[in-house]
N, C-alpha and C. Protein backbone atom coordinates (compact mmCIF):
# COMPACT_ATOMS: atom_id res chain seq x y z
N MET A 1 -12.25 -99.64 -80.66
CA MET A 1 -10.86 -99.22 -80.76
C MET A 1 -10.01 -100.31 -81.39
N GLY A 2 -10.34 -101.56 -81.12
CA GLY A 2 -9.61 -102.67 -81.72
C GLY A 2 -9.74 -102.69 -83.23
N LYS A 3 -10.91 -102.29 -83.73
CA LYS A 3 -11.13 -102.30 -85.17
C LYS A 3 -10.23 -101.27 -85.86
N ASP A 4 -10.04 -100.12 -85.23
CA ASP A 4 -9.18 -99.09 -85.82
C ASP A 4 -7.74 -99.60 -85.96
N LYS A 5 -7.27 -100.34 -84.96
CA LYS A 5 -5.92 -100.90 -85.03
C LYS A 5 -5.84 -101.90 -86.18
N ASP A 6 -6.90 -102.73 -86.34
CA ASP A 6 -6.90 -103.71 -87.42
C ASP A 6 -6.87 -103.02 -88.78
N LYS A 7 -7.61 -101.91 -88.93
CA LYS A 7 -7.62 -101.19 -90.19
C LYS A 7 -6.23 -100.68 -90.56
N LYS A 8 -5.53 -100.16 -89.56
CA LYS A 8 -4.19 -99.63 -89.82
C LYS A 8 -3.23 -100.73 -90.21
N LYS A 9 -3.35 -101.89 -89.57
CA LYS A 9 -2.48 -103.00 -89.87
C LYS A 9 -2.74 -103.57 -91.26
N SER A 10 -4.03 -103.59 -91.68
CA SER A 10 -4.37 -104.21 -92.95
C SER A 10 -4.22 -103.25 -94.14
N GLY A 11 -3.95 -102.00 -93.88
CA GLY A 11 -3.81 -101.05 -94.97
C GLY A 11 -5.08 -100.25 -95.24
N ALA A 12 -6.21 -100.63 -94.65
CA ALA A 12 -7.44 -99.86 -94.84
C ALA A 12 -7.32 -98.56 -94.07
N THR A 13 -7.64 -97.47 -94.74
CA THR A 13 -7.47 -96.15 -94.11
C THR A 13 -8.80 -95.48 -93.78
N ASP A 14 -9.92 -95.98 -94.29
CA ASP A 14 -11.21 -95.36 -93.94
C ASP A 14 -12.32 -96.42 -93.99
N ASP A 15 -13.56 -95.99 -93.76
CA ASP A 15 -14.67 -96.90 -93.69
C ASP A 15 -15.18 -97.35 -95.06
N ASN A 16 -14.54 -96.95 -96.14
CA ASN A 16 -14.97 -97.37 -97.48
C ASN A 16 -14.42 -98.74 -97.85
N TRP A 17 -13.55 -99.31 -97.02
CA TRP A 17 -12.93 -100.59 -97.33
C TRP A 17 -13.29 -101.61 -96.25
N ALA A 18 -13.49 -102.85 -96.69
CA ALA A 18 -13.81 -103.91 -95.74
C ALA A 18 -13.11 -105.20 -96.14
N LYS A 19 -12.96 -106.09 -95.17
CA LYS A 19 -12.40 -107.40 -95.44
C LYS A 19 -13.56 -108.42 -95.53
N PRO A 20 -13.43 -109.46 -96.33
CA PRO A 20 -14.50 -110.44 -96.41
C PRO A 20 -14.83 -111.07 -95.06
N SER A 21 -13.86 -111.17 -94.17
CA SER A 21 -14.12 -111.74 -92.85
C SER A 21 -15.01 -110.86 -91.99
N GLU A 22 -15.22 -109.61 -92.39
CA GLU A 22 -16.09 -108.69 -91.66
C GLU A 22 -17.53 -108.75 -92.13
N ALA A 23 -17.82 -109.57 -93.13
CA ALA A 23 -19.18 -109.62 -93.69
C ALA A 23 -20.15 -110.13 -92.64
N PRO A 24 -21.35 -109.53 -92.58
CA PRO A 24 -22.36 -110.00 -91.63
C PRO A 24 -22.91 -111.36 -92.02
N ALA A 25 -23.50 -112.06 -91.06
CA ALA A 25 -24.04 -113.40 -91.31
C ALA A 25 -25.13 -113.38 -92.36
N THR A 26 -26.00 -112.40 -92.34
CA THR A 26 -27.02 -112.21 -93.37
C THR A 26 -26.99 -110.76 -93.74
N GLY A 27 -27.93 -110.32 -94.54
CA GLY A 27 -27.95 -108.95 -95.01
C GLY A 27 -27.81 -107.90 -93.92
N ASP A 28 -28.43 -108.15 -92.76
CA ASP A 28 -28.36 -107.16 -91.69
C ASP A 28 -27.57 -107.65 -90.47
N GLY A 29 -26.85 -108.77 -90.62
CA GLY A 29 -26.02 -109.28 -89.54
C GLY A 29 -26.77 -110.14 -88.53
N TRP A 30 -28.04 -110.40 -88.80
CA TRP A 30 -28.87 -111.18 -87.89
C TRP A 30 -28.57 -112.66 -88.06
N ASN A 31 -28.34 -113.39 -86.97
CA ASN A 31 -28.05 -114.79 -87.02
C ASN A 31 -29.33 -115.57 -86.77
N PHE A 32 -29.89 -116.13 -87.84
CA PHE A 32 -31.20 -116.78 -87.82
C PHE A 32 -31.36 -117.80 -86.70
N THR A 33 -30.53 -118.84 -86.66
CA THR A 33 -30.76 -119.92 -85.71
C THR A 33 -30.48 -119.50 -84.26
N GLU A 34 -29.49 -118.67 -84.04
CA GLU A 34 -29.18 -118.26 -82.67
C GLU A 34 -30.20 -117.27 -82.12
N GLU A 35 -30.61 -116.32 -82.93
CA GLU A 35 -31.47 -115.25 -82.42
C GLU A 35 -32.95 -115.54 -82.56
N ALA A 36 -33.33 -116.52 -83.36
CA ALA A 36 -34.76 -116.81 -83.56
C ALA A 36 -35.23 -118.05 -82.81
N GLU A 37 -34.32 -118.76 -82.16
CA GLU A 37 -34.72 -119.99 -81.47
C GLU A 37 -35.81 -119.72 -80.45
N GLY A 38 -36.90 -120.48 -80.53
CA GLY A 38 -38.01 -120.35 -79.60
C GLY A 38 -38.96 -119.22 -79.92
N ARG A 39 -38.66 -118.44 -80.92
CA ARG A 39 -39.47 -117.26 -81.25
C ARG A 39 -40.50 -117.61 -82.32
N LEU A 40 -41.61 -116.85 -82.31
CA LEU A 40 -42.64 -117.00 -83.31
C LEU A 40 -42.23 -116.23 -84.56
N LEU A 41 -42.27 -116.91 -85.70
CA LEU A 41 -41.79 -116.33 -86.96
C LEU A 41 -42.87 -116.30 -88.02
N LEU A 42 -42.84 -115.24 -88.82
CA LEU A 42 -43.64 -115.16 -90.03
C LEU A 42 -42.63 -115.17 -91.18
N ILE A 43 -42.64 -116.22 -91.98
CA ILE A 43 -41.61 -116.43 -92.98
C ILE A 43 -42.22 -116.35 -94.36
N THR A 44 -41.63 -115.52 -95.22
CA THR A 44 -42.05 -115.43 -96.61
C THR A 44 -40.92 -116.00 -97.47
N PRO A 45 -41.04 -117.29 -97.88
CA PRO A 45 -39.98 -117.88 -98.72
C PRO A 45 -40.00 -117.22 -100.10
N LEU A 46 -38.86 -116.69 -100.53
CA LEU A 46 -38.79 -115.95 -101.77
C LEU A 46 -38.25 -116.77 -102.94
N GLU A 47 -37.17 -117.53 -102.69
CA GLU A 47 -36.55 -118.28 -103.77
C GLU A 47 -35.60 -119.35 -103.22
N SER A 48 -35.32 -120.30 -104.10
CA SER A 48 -34.29 -121.31 -103.82
C SER A 48 -33.12 -120.95 -104.74
N LYS A 49 -31.93 -120.91 -104.20
CA LYS A 49 -30.78 -120.60 -105.06
C LYS A 49 -29.58 -121.43 -104.67
N GLU A 50 -28.67 -121.57 -105.61
CA GLU A 50 -27.44 -122.31 -105.34
C GLU A 50 -26.32 -121.32 -105.07
N VAL A 51 -25.57 -121.60 -104.02
CA VAL A 51 -24.45 -120.76 -103.64
C VAL A 51 -23.20 -121.64 -103.52
N PRO A 52 -22.01 -121.05 -103.66
CA PRO A 52 -20.79 -121.84 -103.53
C PRO A 52 -20.72 -122.53 -102.16
N ASP A 53 -20.31 -123.80 -102.18
CA ASP A 53 -20.13 -124.56 -100.93
C ASP A 53 -18.67 -124.43 -100.54
N ASN A 54 -18.39 -123.49 -99.69
CA ASN A 54 -17.01 -123.21 -99.29
C ASN A 54 -16.39 -124.29 -98.42
N TYR A 55 -17.23 -125.21 -97.91
CA TYR A 55 -16.73 -126.26 -97.03
C TYR A 55 -16.52 -127.59 -97.76
N SER A 56 -16.92 -127.66 -99.01
CA SER A 56 -16.76 -128.88 -99.78
C SER A 56 -15.32 -129.02 -100.26
N LYS A 57 -14.87 -130.27 -100.38
CA LYS A 57 -13.54 -130.52 -100.92
C LYS A 57 -13.57 -130.64 -102.44
N VAL A 58 -14.80 -130.65 -102.99
CA VAL A 58 -14.97 -130.74 -104.45
C VAL A 58 -14.92 -129.33 -105.03
N PRO A 59 -14.00 -129.05 -105.96
CA PRO A 59 -13.91 -127.72 -106.56
C PRO A 59 -15.22 -127.36 -107.28
N GLY A 60 -15.69 -126.15 -107.06
CA GLY A 60 -16.89 -125.67 -107.72
C GLY A 60 -18.21 -126.21 -107.15
N ALA A 61 -18.14 -126.89 -106.01
CA ALA A 61 -19.36 -127.44 -105.42
C ALA A 61 -20.30 -126.31 -104.98
N VAL A 62 -21.59 -126.59 -105.08
CA VAL A 62 -22.62 -125.63 -104.65
C VAL A 62 -23.59 -126.32 -103.72
N LYS A 63 -24.35 -125.51 -102.99
CA LYS A 63 -25.42 -126.05 -102.15
C LYS A 63 -26.61 -125.11 -102.25
N GLU A 64 -27.77 -125.67 -101.94
CA GLU A 64 -28.99 -124.89 -102.02
C GLU A 64 -29.22 -124.11 -100.73
N VAL A 65 -29.73 -122.89 -100.87
CA VAL A 65 -30.23 -122.12 -99.75
C VAL A 65 -31.63 -121.64 -100.13
N ILE A 66 -32.46 -121.46 -99.12
CA ILE A 66 -33.75 -120.83 -99.32
C ILE A 66 -33.58 -119.38 -98.85
N VAL A 67 -33.97 -118.45 -99.68
CA VAL A 67 -33.92 -117.04 -99.33
C VAL A 67 -35.33 -116.63 -98.89
N ALA A 68 -35.42 -116.00 -97.71
CA ALA A 68 -36.74 -115.66 -97.18
C ALA A 68 -36.68 -114.35 -96.41
N ASN A 69 -37.81 -113.66 -96.39
CA ASN A 69 -37.98 -112.53 -95.49
C ASN A 69 -38.59 -113.11 -94.21
N ILE A 70 -38.03 -112.73 -93.07
CA ILE A 70 -38.48 -113.30 -91.80
C ILE A 70 -38.83 -112.18 -90.84
N VAL A 71 -40.02 -112.29 -90.26
CA VAL A 71 -40.45 -111.35 -89.22
C VAL A 71 -40.49 -112.11 -87.90
N VAL A 72 -39.76 -111.61 -86.92
CA VAL A 72 -39.81 -112.17 -85.57
C VAL A 72 -40.96 -111.44 -84.88
N ILE A 73 -42.04 -112.17 -84.62
CA ILE A 73 -43.25 -111.57 -84.10
C ILE A 73 -43.08 -111.18 -82.62
N ASP A 74 -43.34 -109.93 -82.31
CA ASP A 74 -43.36 -109.48 -80.92
C ASP A 74 -44.71 -109.91 -80.37
N GLU A 75 -44.73 -110.86 -79.46
CA GLU A 75 -45.96 -111.45 -79.00
C GLU A 75 -46.79 -110.55 -78.10
N LYS A 76 -46.19 -109.49 -77.58
CA LYS A 76 -46.94 -108.52 -76.77
C LYS A 76 -47.48 -107.38 -77.62
N LYS A 77 -46.68 -106.94 -78.58
CA LYS A 77 -47.08 -105.85 -79.46
C LYS A 77 -46.69 -106.23 -80.89
N PRO A 78 -47.55 -106.96 -81.59
CA PRO A 78 -47.21 -107.44 -82.95
C PRO A 78 -46.77 -106.34 -83.91
N GLU A 79 -47.32 -105.14 -83.75
CA GLU A 79 -46.95 -104.04 -84.65
C GLU A 79 -45.50 -103.62 -84.46
N LYS A 80 -44.85 -104.05 -83.38
CA LYS A 80 -43.44 -103.71 -83.11
C LYS A 80 -42.50 -104.87 -83.49
N SER A 81 -42.99 -105.80 -84.29
CA SER A 81 -42.20 -106.97 -84.68
C SER A 81 -40.97 -106.56 -85.51
N GLU A 82 -40.01 -107.44 -85.54
CA GLU A 82 -38.71 -107.18 -86.15
C GLU A 82 -38.59 -107.91 -87.49
N GLU A 83 -38.32 -107.16 -88.57
CA GLU A 83 -38.25 -107.75 -89.90
C GLU A 83 -36.79 -107.88 -90.37
N HIS A 84 -36.50 -109.04 -90.98
CA HIS A 84 -35.18 -109.29 -91.55
C HIS A 84 -35.37 -109.72 -93.00
N LEU A 85 -34.73 -109.02 -93.92
CA LEU A 85 -34.91 -109.26 -95.34
C LEU A 85 -33.81 -110.14 -95.94
N ALA A 86 -34.22 -110.98 -96.89
CA ALA A 86 -33.28 -111.81 -97.66
C ALA A 86 -32.35 -112.65 -96.78
N VAL A 87 -32.94 -113.36 -95.82
CA VAL A 87 -32.18 -114.25 -94.94
C VAL A 87 -31.92 -115.56 -95.68
N TRP A 88 -30.71 -116.06 -95.60
CA TRP A 88 -30.36 -117.33 -96.23
C TRP A 88 -30.55 -118.44 -95.20
N ILE A 89 -31.31 -119.48 -95.59
CA ILE A 89 -31.57 -120.59 -94.70
C ILE A 89 -30.85 -121.82 -95.28
N PHE A 90 -29.91 -122.37 -94.52
CA PHE A 90 -29.08 -123.48 -94.96
C PHE A 90 -29.52 -124.83 -94.41
N GLN A 91 -30.21 -124.85 -93.27
CA GLN A 91 -30.51 -126.09 -92.57
C GLN A 91 -31.49 -126.95 -93.37
N GLY A 92 -31.16 -128.22 -93.55
CA GLY A 92 -31.88 -129.14 -94.40
C GLY A 92 -33.37 -129.27 -94.11
N TRP A 93 -33.76 -129.51 -92.86
CA TRP A 93 -35.16 -129.71 -92.55
C TRP A 93 -35.94 -128.42 -92.73
N LEU A 94 -35.33 -127.30 -92.42
CA LEU A 94 -35.99 -126.00 -92.58
C LEU A 94 -36.20 -125.70 -94.06
N LYS A 95 -35.19 -125.99 -94.88
CA LYS A 95 -35.35 -125.79 -96.33
C LYS A 95 -36.49 -126.65 -96.86
N GLY A 96 -36.56 -127.89 -96.42
CA GLY A 96 -37.62 -128.78 -96.85
C GLY A 96 -39.01 -128.27 -96.44
N ALA A 97 -39.08 -127.69 -95.25
CA ALA A 97 -40.37 -127.18 -94.77
C ALA A 97 -40.82 -125.93 -95.53
N LEU A 98 -39.88 -125.17 -96.11
CA LEU A 98 -40.22 -123.92 -96.78
C LEU A 98 -40.28 -124.03 -98.30
N ARG A 99 -39.57 -124.96 -98.89
CA ARG A 99 -39.40 -125.04 -100.34
C ARG A 99 -40.73 -125.02 -101.09
N GLY A 100 -41.72 -125.75 -100.62
CA GLY A 100 -42.99 -125.85 -101.31
C GLY A 100 -43.85 -124.59 -101.22
N PHE A 101 -43.45 -123.63 -100.42
CA PHE A 101 -44.23 -122.40 -100.26
C PHE A 101 -43.62 -121.19 -100.97
N ILE A 102 -42.52 -121.40 -101.69
CA ILE A 102 -41.84 -120.29 -102.36
C ILE A 102 -42.80 -119.63 -103.34
N GLY A 103 -43.00 -118.33 -103.17
CA GLY A 103 -43.87 -117.57 -104.05
C GLY A 103 -45.34 -117.90 -103.89
N GLU A 104 -45.70 -118.75 -102.94
CA GLU A 104 -47.08 -119.19 -102.79
C GLU A 104 -47.74 -118.63 -101.54
N ARG A 105 -47.15 -118.93 -100.37
CA ARG A 105 -47.78 -118.58 -99.11
C ARG A 105 -46.74 -118.23 -98.06
N LYS A 106 -47.19 -117.54 -97.03
CA LYS A 106 -46.32 -117.24 -95.87
C LYS A 106 -46.44 -118.40 -94.90
N VAL A 107 -45.42 -118.58 -94.08
CA VAL A 107 -45.38 -119.68 -93.11
C VAL A 107 -45.28 -119.06 -91.70
N VAL A 108 -46.14 -119.53 -90.80
CA VAL A 108 -46.08 -119.12 -89.40
C VAL A 108 -45.57 -120.33 -88.64
N ALA A 109 -44.50 -120.15 -87.87
CA ALA A 109 -43.90 -121.28 -87.15
C ALA A 109 -43.06 -120.77 -85.99
N ARG A 110 -42.72 -121.68 -85.12
CA ARG A 110 -41.79 -121.42 -84.03
C ARG A 110 -40.55 -122.28 -84.29
N LEU A 111 -39.37 -121.69 -84.23
CA LEU A 111 -38.11 -122.37 -84.51
C LEU A 111 -37.56 -123.02 -83.24
N ARG A 112 -37.12 -124.27 -83.39
CA ARG A 112 -36.46 -124.92 -82.24
C ARG A 112 -35.47 -125.97 -82.73
N LEU A 113 -34.58 -126.32 -81.84
CA LEU A 113 -33.62 -127.40 -82.07
C LEU A 113 -34.23 -128.66 -81.51
N GLN A 114 -34.21 -129.75 -82.30
CA GLN A 114 -34.75 -131.04 -81.83
C GLN A 114 -34.11 -131.45 -80.52
N LYS A 115 -34.87 -132.17 -79.74
CA LYS A 115 -34.32 -132.80 -78.54
C LYS A 115 -33.59 -134.05 -78.98
N LYS A 116 -32.59 -134.44 -78.22
CA LYS A 116 -31.83 -135.66 -78.60
C LYS A 116 -32.74 -136.87 -78.67
N SER A 117 -33.78 -136.90 -77.84
CA SER A 117 -34.70 -138.04 -77.86
C SER A 117 -35.54 -138.10 -79.14
N GLU A 118 -35.62 -136.99 -79.88
CA GLU A 118 -36.40 -136.94 -81.12
C GLU A 118 -35.59 -137.37 -82.35
N VAL A 119 -34.29 -137.48 -82.22
CA VAL A 119 -33.44 -137.86 -83.34
C VAL A 119 -33.70 -139.33 -83.67
N THR A 120 -34.05 -139.62 -84.93
CA THR A 120 -34.48 -140.96 -85.29
C THR A 120 -33.33 -141.95 -85.55
N LYS A 121 -32.20 -141.49 -86.08
CA LYS A 121 -31.09 -142.39 -86.38
C LYS A 121 -29.94 -142.14 -85.39
N LYS A 122 -29.37 -143.25 -84.90
CA LYS A 122 -28.24 -143.13 -83.99
C LYS A 122 -27.07 -142.45 -84.72
N GLY A 123 -26.40 -141.59 -84.01
CA GLY A 123 -25.24 -140.91 -84.57
C GLY A 123 -25.59 -139.58 -85.23
N ASN A 124 -26.87 -139.34 -85.51
CA ASN A 124 -27.25 -138.07 -86.10
C ASN A 124 -27.35 -137.00 -85.03
N ASN A 125 -27.09 -135.79 -85.41
CA ASN A 125 -27.22 -134.65 -84.49
C ASN A 125 -28.64 -134.10 -84.56
N PRO A 126 -29.09 -133.46 -83.49
CA PRO A 126 -30.42 -132.82 -83.55
C PRO A 126 -30.43 -131.77 -84.68
N ALA A 127 -31.58 -131.64 -85.32
CA ALA A 127 -31.75 -130.71 -86.43
C ALA A 127 -32.62 -129.54 -86.01
N TRP A 128 -32.48 -128.43 -86.71
CA TRP A 128 -33.38 -127.29 -86.52
C TRP A 128 -34.68 -127.63 -87.20
N ILE A 129 -35.80 -127.39 -86.50
CA ILE A 129 -37.12 -127.69 -87.07
C ILE A 129 -38.09 -126.57 -86.73
N PHE A 130 -39.22 -126.55 -87.46
CA PHE A 130 -40.30 -125.62 -87.19
C PHE A 130 -41.42 -126.37 -86.50
N ASP A 131 -42.00 -125.77 -85.47
CA ASP A 131 -43.19 -126.30 -84.83
C ASP A 131 -44.39 -125.57 -85.43
N ASP A 132 -45.49 -126.30 -85.64
CA ASP A 132 -46.72 -125.70 -86.14
C ASP A 132 -47.27 -124.71 -85.11
N PRO A 133 -47.87 -123.63 -85.58
CA PRO A 133 -48.40 -122.63 -84.67
C PRO A 133 -49.76 -123.00 -84.10
N THR A 134 -50.09 -122.39 -82.98
CA THR A 134 -51.42 -122.53 -82.39
C THR A 134 -52.33 -121.47 -83.03
N ASP A 135 -53.62 -121.54 -82.73
CA ASP A 135 -54.55 -120.54 -83.24
C ASP A 135 -54.17 -119.14 -82.73
N LYS A 136 -53.73 -119.06 -81.47
CA LYS A 136 -53.32 -117.78 -80.90
C LYS A 136 -52.09 -117.22 -81.64
N GLU A 137 -51.15 -118.09 -82.01
CA GLU A 137 -49.97 -117.65 -82.72
C GLU A 137 -50.32 -117.17 -84.15
N TYR A 138 -51.26 -117.86 -84.79
CA TYR A 138 -51.75 -117.39 -86.10
C TYR A 138 -52.35 -115.99 -85.95
N ALA A 139 -53.14 -115.77 -84.89
CA ALA A 139 -53.77 -114.47 -84.66
C ALA A 139 -52.70 -113.38 -84.46
N LEU A 140 -51.60 -113.70 -83.79
CA LEU A 140 -50.52 -112.72 -83.61
C LEU A 140 -49.88 -112.36 -84.93
N ALA A 141 -49.65 -113.37 -85.79
CA ALA A 141 -49.07 -113.10 -87.12
C ALA A 141 -50.03 -112.27 -87.95
N LYS A 142 -51.31 -112.57 -87.88
CA LYS A 142 -52.31 -111.81 -88.62
C LYS A 142 -52.36 -110.37 -88.12
N ALA A 143 -52.26 -110.18 -86.81
CA ALA A 143 -52.25 -108.82 -86.23
C ALA A 143 -51.05 -108.02 -86.75
N TYR A 144 -49.91 -108.67 -86.87
CA TYR A 144 -48.74 -107.99 -87.43
C TYR A 144 -48.99 -107.56 -88.87
N VAL A 145 -49.48 -108.49 -89.69
CA VAL A 145 -49.72 -108.19 -91.11
C VAL A 145 -50.73 -107.05 -91.23
N GLU A 146 -51.77 -107.07 -90.41
CA GLU A 146 -52.78 -106.01 -90.46
C GLU A 146 -52.21 -104.68 -89.99
N SER A 147 -51.20 -104.70 -89.13
CA SER A 147 -50.60 -103.44 -88.66
C SER A 147 -49.81 -102.77 -89.78
N ILE A 148 -49.31 -103.53 -90.74
CA ILE A 148 -48.56 -102.93 -91.84
C ILE A 148 -49.43 -102.73 -93.08
N ASP A 149 -50.48 -103.56 -93.23
CA ASP A 149 -51.41 -103.45 -94.36
C ASP A 149 -52.77 -103.99 -93.94
N PRO A 150 -53.68 -103.12 -93.53
CA PRO A 150 -54.96 -103.61 -93.01
C PRO A 150 -55.79 -104.39 -94.01
N PHE A 151 -55.52 -104.26 -95.29
CA PHE A 151 -56.30 -104.97 -96.31
C PHE A 151 -55.69 -106.31 -96.68
N ALA A 152 -54.50 -106.60 -96.20
CA ALA A 152 -53.79 -107.82 -96.59
C ALA A 152 -54.50 -109.09 -96.13
N THR A 153 -55.16 -109.05 -95.01
CA THR A 153 -55.82 -110.26 -94.50
C THR A 153 -57.34 -110.10 -94.48
N GLY A 154 -57.84 -109.15 -95.26
CA GLY A 154 -59.27 -108.96 -95.32
C GLY A 154 -59.81 -108.08 -94.20
N GLY A 155 -58.91 -107.44 -93.46
CA GLY A 155 -59.33 -106.57 -92.39
C GLY A 155 -59.86 -105.25 -92.91
N LYS A 156 -60.27 -104.39 -92.02
CA LYS A 156 -60.77 -103.08 -92.39
C LYS A 156 -59.78 -102.04 -91.94
N ALA A 157 -59.68 -100.98 -92.73
CA ALA A 157 -58.80 -99.87 -92.36
C ALA A 157 -59.37 -99.19 -91.12
N LYS A 158 -58.48 -98.73 -90.28
CA LYS A 158 -58.91 -98.03 -89.08
C LYS A 158 -59.34 -96.61 -89.48
N LYS A 159 -60.38 -96.12 -88.83
CA LYS A 159 -60.83 -94.75 -89.10
C LYS A 159 -59.85 -93.77 -88.50
N SER A 160 -59.60 -92.72 -89.24
CA SER A 160 -58.79 -91.67 -88.65
C SER A 160 -59.74 -90.77 -87.86
N LYS A 161 -59.22 -89.99 -86.99
CA LYS A 161 -60.07 -89.11 -86.17
C LYS A 161 -60.79 -88.08 -87.03
N ALA A 162 -60.22 -87.75 -88.18
CA ALA A 162 -60.82 -86.74 -89.05
C ALA A 162 -62.04 -87.28 -89.80
N GLU A 163 -62.16 -88.62 -89.92
CA GLU A 163 -63.28 -89.19 -90.65
C GLU A 163 -64.54 -89.14 -89.81
N PRO A 164 -65.62 -88.65 -90.42
CA PRO A 164 -66.88 -88.64 -89.67
C PRO A 164 -67.48 -90.04 -89.61
N ASP A 165 -68.44 -90.23 -88.70
CA ASP A 165 -69.16 -91.49 -88.66
C ASP A 165 -69.93 -91.67 -89.95
N GLU A 166 -70.39 -92.89 -90.20
CA GLU A 166 -71.12 -93.18 -91.42
C GLU A 166 -72.32 -92.26 -91.60
N LYS A 167 -73.17 -92.17 -90.60
CA LYS A 167 -74.35 -91.31 -90.67
C LYS A 167 -74.45 -90.54 -89.37
N PRO A 168 -74.73 -89.25 -89.45
CA PRO A 168 -74.93 -88.53 -88.20
C PRO A 168 -76.21 -89.00 -87.53
N ALA A 169 -76.21 -88.94 -86.24
CA ALA A 169 -77.41 -89.34 -85.51
C ALA A 169 -78.56 -88.39 -85.82
N LYS A 170 -79.77 -88.93 -85.95
CA LYS A 170 -80.93 -88.11 -86.23
C LYS A 170 -81.35 -87.40 -84.94
N LYS A 171 -81.69 -86.16 -85.11
CA LYS A 171 -82.19 -85.40 -83.97
C LYS A 171 -83.68 -85.62 -83.84
N LYS A 172 -84.13 -85.75 -82.65
CA LYS A 172 -85.57 -85.89 -82.42
C LYS A 172 -86.21 -84.52 -82.51
N SER A 173 -87.26 -84.45 -83.24
CA SER A 173 -87.93 -83.17 -83.38
C SER A 173 -88.90 -82.97 -82.22
N LYS A 174 -89.01 -81.72 -81.80
CA LYS A 174 -89.92 -81.39 -80.70
C LYS A 174 -91.29 -81.11 -81.29
N LYS A 175 -92.30 -81.65 -80.71
CA LYS A 175 -93.65 -81.41 -81.20
C LYS A 175 -94.43 -80.60 -80.24
């Protein structure tokens, strides 16, 4: 109801108009660092691009972002994992961890904020980092990929109920 009042005050009369301040954080409104912290991720780095740096005091300044598709792996049911497309990643250490894999490979990792004891230089704030996955976590990511494309990881397609077995069992003849 509050949004309707704002529309009337701003001159917008229907849902065809929006204000820049209403733009979602990413393509689907998902906030990467807040909603993915501690979660197992399958990241496909797509590209590095420069975007305007709205916080810089230098006119026309730009900064790099890594654009990636990110799947938050459901660790109980990988086939029910949540996919987010074209997510912009701004954090320096995360960009560094993904940059070398653009167009090459997918990354499996768990996102976390460094502990204060891990910060190497005094005065620096903890950074967002990726932890390497365990073998079990790799298996969960592989299970997700196989659920959407069974041939993507060298798996086999599941038989449908309509498909017969490879060879029917031989009947024993009565003598």
